[in-house]
Each structure stands twice: as structure tokens, then as C-alpha cells.
Protein backbone atom coordinates (compact mmCIF):
# COMPACT_ATOMS: atom_id res chain seq x y z
CA MET A 1 79.63 144.89 168.46
CA SER A 2 77.10 144.13 171.22
CA ILE A 3 74.49 146.65 172.28
CA SER A 4 76.23 147.25 175.61
CA LYS A 5 79.61 147.83 173.97
CA THR A 6 78.05 150.28 171.51
CA CYS A 7 76.35 152.11 174.37
CA ASN A 8 79.47 152.27 176.54
CA TYR A 9 81.55 153.54 173.64
CA ILE A 10 79.08 156.28 172.73
CA PHE A 11 78.46 157.24 176.36
CA GLN A 12 82.17 157.82 176.86
CA GLN A 13 82.27 159.81 173.62
CA VAL A 14 79.44 162.06 174.85
CA ILE A 15 81.04 162.67 178.23
CA ASP A 16 84.37 163.52 176.62
CA ASP A 17 82.66 165.83 174.11
CA TYR A 18 80.79 167.64 176.88
CA HIS A 19 83.90 168.22 178.95
CA LEU A 20 85.67 169.87 176.05
CA GLN A 21 83.26 172.76 176.73
CA ASP A 22 82.35 171.83 180.31
CA TYR A 23 79.31 174.01 180.97
CA VAL A 24 75.60 173.30 181.06
CA ASP A 25 74.83 175.37 177.97
CA ALA A 26 77.43 173.52 175.92
CA ILE A 27 76.52 173.11 172.27
CA LYS A 28 75.76 169.53 171.31
CA SER A 29 77.28 168.23 168.10
CA ASN A 30 75.95 164.72 167.59
CA PRO A 31 78.25 162.95 165.07
CA TYR A 32 75.57 160.33 164.26
CA ASN A 33 72.97 161.16 161.65
CA SER A 34 69.36 160.08 161.50
CA SER A 35 70.19 157.10 159.28
CA ASN A 36 71.78 155.48 162.33
CA PHE A 37 68.80 155.87 164.64
CA PHE A 38 70.10 153.84 167.58
CA ASP A 39 73.54 155.46 167.81
CA LYS A 40 72.06 158.94 167.35
CA MET A 41 69.50 158.36 170.08
CA ILE A 42 72.06 156.89 172.46
CA TYR A 43 74.24 159.97 171.98
CA ASP A 44 71.30 162.35 172.55
CA LYS A 45 70.19 160.33 175.59
CA CYS A 46 73.57 160.53 177.31
CA TRP A 47 73.89 164.23 176.45
CA ILE A 48 70.70 164.92 178.39
CA ASP A 49 72.04 162.87 181.31
CA THR A 50 75.38 164.68 181.25
CA ILE A 51 73.83 168.15 181.28
CA GLN A 52 71.47 167.12 184.06
CA TRP A 53 74.34 165.68 186.11
CA HIS A 54 75.99 169.09 186.17
CA LEU A 55 72.73 170.92 186.82
CA GLU A 56 72.28 168.70 189.89
CA ASP A 57 75.75 169.81 191.06
CA ILE A 58 74.97 173.49 190.52
CA ILE A 59 71.68 173.46 192.42
CA ARG A 60 73.52 172.16 195.50
CA VAL A 61 75.85 175.14 195.74
CA PRO A 62 75.26 176.37 199.35
CA ASP A 63 74.97 180.08 198.53
CA ILE A 64 72.94 179.75 195.32
CA SER A 65 70.22 182.39 195.19
CA PRO A 66 66.60 181.20 195.54
CA ASP A 67 65.75 182.59 192.10
CA GLU A 68 68.65 180.76 190.47
CA ALA A 69 67.84 177.55 192.35
CA LEU A 70 64.24 177.66 191.16
CA LYS A 71 65.39 178.30 187.60
CA ILE A 72 67.71 175.29 187.74
CA LYS A 73 65.01 173.13 189.36
CA ARG A 74 62.61 173.95 186.54
CA ARG A 75 65.30 173.04 184.06
CA ILE A 76 65.96 169.72 185.82
CA ASP A 77 62.23 168.93 185.76
CA SER A 78 62.14 169.57 182.03
CA SER A 79 65.26 167.49 181.52
CA ASN A 80 63.73 164.59 183.47
CA GLN A 81 60.71 164.66 181.20
CA ASP A 82 62.91 164.71 178.09
CA ARG A 83 64.92 161.81 179.51
CA THR A 84 61.78 159.76 180.17
CA ASP A 85 60.37 160.48 176.72
CA MET A 86 63.63 159.43 175.10
CA VAL A 87 63.88 156.20 177.09
CA GLU A 88 60.35 155.27 176.07
CA GLU A 89 61.17 156.08 172.45
CA LEU A 90 64.21 153.83 172.76
CA ASP A 91 61.99 151.05 174.12
CA ASP A 92 59.78 151.48 171.05
CA TYR A 93 62.92 150.86 169.00
CA PHE A 94 63.60 147.62 170.87
CA PHE A 95 59.96 146.55 170.44
CA ASP A 96 60.30 147.01 166.68
CA GLU A 97 63.62 145.17 166.64
CA PHE A 98 62.13 142.15 168.40
CA SER A 99 58.66 142.28 166.86
CA ASN A 100 59.25 138.93 165.16
CA SER A 101 60.36 137.10 168.30
CA SER A 102 57.96 134.44 169.58
CA PRO A 103 57.93 133.97 173.36
CA SER A 104 57.79 130.35 174.46
CA LYS A 105 55.12 129.05 176.84
CA GLN A 106 57.74 129.12 179.60
CA ALA A 107 58.83 132.69 178.82
CA THR A 108 59.20 134.99 181.81
CA LEU A 109 58.67 138.71 182.32
CA ASN A 110 61.46 141.09 183.28
CA THR A 111 61.15 143.80 185.91
CA GLU A 112 62.93 146.34 183.71
CA THR A 113 62.73 147.22 180.04
CA PRO A 114 65.86 147.19 177.83
CA ALA A 115 65.85 150.97 177.49
CA TRP A 116 65.64 151.63 181.23
CA ALA A 117 68.58 149.28 181.70
CA VAL A 118 70.47 151.30 179.09
CA ASP A 119 69.48 154.45 181.01
CA ARG A 120 71.18 153.02 184.11
CA LEU A 121 74.25 152.24 182.03
CA SER A 122 74.42 155.86 180.89
CA ILE A 123 74.29 157.11 184.49
CA LEU A 124 76.98 154.58 185.46
CA SER A 125 79.26 156.03 182.79
CA LEU A 126 78.86 159.47 184.37
CA LYS A 127 79.51 158.10 187.85
CA ILE A 128 82.67 156.38 186.63
CA TYR A 129 83.97 159.50 184.92
CA HIS A 130 83.44 161.74 187.92
CA MET A 131 84.57 159.19 190.50
CA SER A 132 87.75 158.78 188.49
CA GLU A 133 88.24 162.55 188.66
CA GLU A 134 87.92 162.41 192.44
CA ALA A 135 90.23 159.40 192.74
CA ASN A 136 92.90 161.40 190.92
CA ARG A 137 92.22 164.89 192.29
CA LYS A 138 95.60 166.19 193.46
CA SER A 139 94.07 168.76 195.81
CA ALA A 140 92.23 166.03 197.74
CA SER A 141 93.66 164.09 200.66
CA HIS A 142 95.22 160.69 200.27
CA GLU A 143 92.33 159.16 202.24
CA HIS A 144 89.77 160.81 199.94
CA ARG A 145 91.52 159.52 196.82
CA LYS A 146 91.81 156.03 198.32
CA LYS A 147 88.09 155.86 199.15
CA CYS A 148 87.18 157.13 195.70
CA SER A 149 89.48 154.58 194.06
CA GLU A 150 87.66 151.82 195.93
CA LYS A 151 84.29 153.21 194.87
CA LEU A 152 85.55 153.51 191.30
CA ASN A 153 86.47 149.82 191.25
CA SER A 154 82.97 148.96 192.46
CA LEU A 155 81.41 151.13 189.75
CA LEU A 156 83.54 149.49 187.07
CA THR A 157 82.37 146.08 188.26
CA GLN A 158 78.77 147.29 188.23
CA ARG A 159 79.16 148.48 184.64
CA GLU A 160 80.65 145.16 183.59
CA ASN A 161 77.80 143.24 185.22
CA LEU A 162 75.06 145.54 183.92
CA SER A 163 76.52 145.39 180.41
CA LYS A 164 76.39 141.59 180.48
CA ALA A 165 72.86 141.67 181.90
CA ILE A 166 71.64 143.95 179.10
CA ASP A 167 73.12 141.73 176.40
CA GLN A 168 71.69 138.63 178.09
CA LEU A 169 68.25 140.25 178.34
CA LEU A 170 68.24 141.11 174.65
CA GLU A 171 69.43 137.62 173.76
CA ASN A 172 66.71 136.05 175.90
CA ILE A 173 64.07 138.26 174.28
CA SER A 174 65.40 137.22 170.88
CA ASN A 175 65.26 133.50 171.67
CA GLY A 176 61.83 133.73 173.25
CA SER A 177 62.73 132.92 176.84
CA VAL A 178 61.82 136.45 178.02
CA ILE A 179 58.75 138.45 177.00
CA ILE A 180 59.55 142.01 176.01
CA SER A 181 57.23 144.32 177.91
CA THR A 182 56.98 148.01 178.58
CA TYR A 183 56.39 149.96 181.75
CA LYS A 184 55.36 153.49 180.84
CA GLN A 185 56.27 156.08 183.46
CA MET A 186 53.04 158.07 183.06
CA LYS A 187 54.58 161.07 184.80
CA MET A 188 51.84 163.40 185.95
CA TYR A 189 53.49 166.45 187.49
CA ASN A 190 54.49 168.04 184.17
CA ASP A 191 51.08 167.47 182.57
CA GLU A 192 48.73 170.45 182.92
CA SER A 193 45.72 168.12 182.63
CA LEU A 194 46.90 165.75 185.39
CA ASN A 195 48.61 167.92 188.01
CA PRO A 196 45.92 169.49 190.28
CA GLU A 197 48.25 172.39 191.09
CA LEU A 198 48.18 173.29 187.42
CA TYR A 199 44.67 172.51 186.23
CA SER A 200 42.89 173.72 189.39
CA LYS A 201 43.96 177.27 188.57
CA ASP A 202 41.54 177.17 185.65
CA ASP A 203 38.57 175.73 187.58
């Protein structure tokens, strides 16, 4: 099974598992053990994305209290950091997997790492799930469902294309026509030594 097919299968599994409980403090039960590092990490990665998706919904409730909104915002910030850390750990996995590949003299660089492409695929799975819900929501108008059905078709095409692009990228890294490279996010706002609003309080 290709990397993209494995990812899409596990992403759907995560989303289905979450919606059995359907709340942001749902208990994760990852069926993949540490011996299958990639599958386990892909499951954990999409779980973070799924929780954050619903936190982003909650924080947009018009009458949410300021205290609750701030609490959710802090949680989203933490989730974003966890997501970034996990993507970079996943890129380390790909680096190890392709450590024996030898780029040719004509090899090109890619604007995106394999793991960040997989991250986009995870988010696409969430968009597809929730757009499908809207396309089939009985309480919505016919026009709403029609528009959402059209958007759903576009999302499905995007997933198909992105899945192919990920597999092609990995194949090109393997055969040496693309150089595997990393682009660390170097997020600063959560780091007490880099965010002036945090470290200046101690000066």
C-alpha cells in the first residue's frame, strides 16, 4: 500500500473514532503500537488535527465568554505547537527512510517536505468529512446542500491529486531526482526565550 493510501485510510479511521465520542476531551485509543512507528504517528497526528478542528469551531461561537475563549485559544496554541513538533518528527522519519538515496547532479529541491504534505492531506480528510456532513444535512436548504456537494467534489479531487503528488515526491526522492530537504518552522511565540512578551517580564 502506498504512503498516501495508508495515510488516507488511517485519517478516516481517526475521524470516525473521534466522532464516536464527538467532544474535544474525547479519549484517544490509538490501535497502532510503537512497533509500527509510521502508522502510530499518523494516527496521533490526525487526532491532534481533529481535536483542533473542533476547538476552532467552539471558539467561534458568538456568545462564548471571554474567559472561555481565552482558554480555548491557549489550547489551540498548544495544539499548534504539538502539531508542528509531530510533523517535524515525521520528517525525521522520512529522512531516515531515504538516508541511502543519492541525489543526481540534476536533482531539484521541493518547496514542501513530505511530512508537511501529509499534514495537508490530514486536514483535507477533515474538510471532506465535514463538508459531506453539510452536503447531507437535512435541516439545511437545498441550495446549501447543493453548494456543499460541489465543494465536496472539489475537495475529493484535491485529495486525489495531493495523494498522487505525495507518492510521486517520495518516488522522486527515492530515485534521486529530488533532494529531500527540511524546512524547520522555528516557531517563536511559544518559546519563553524567544518571545519578548515572555522573556521581557524577567528583565
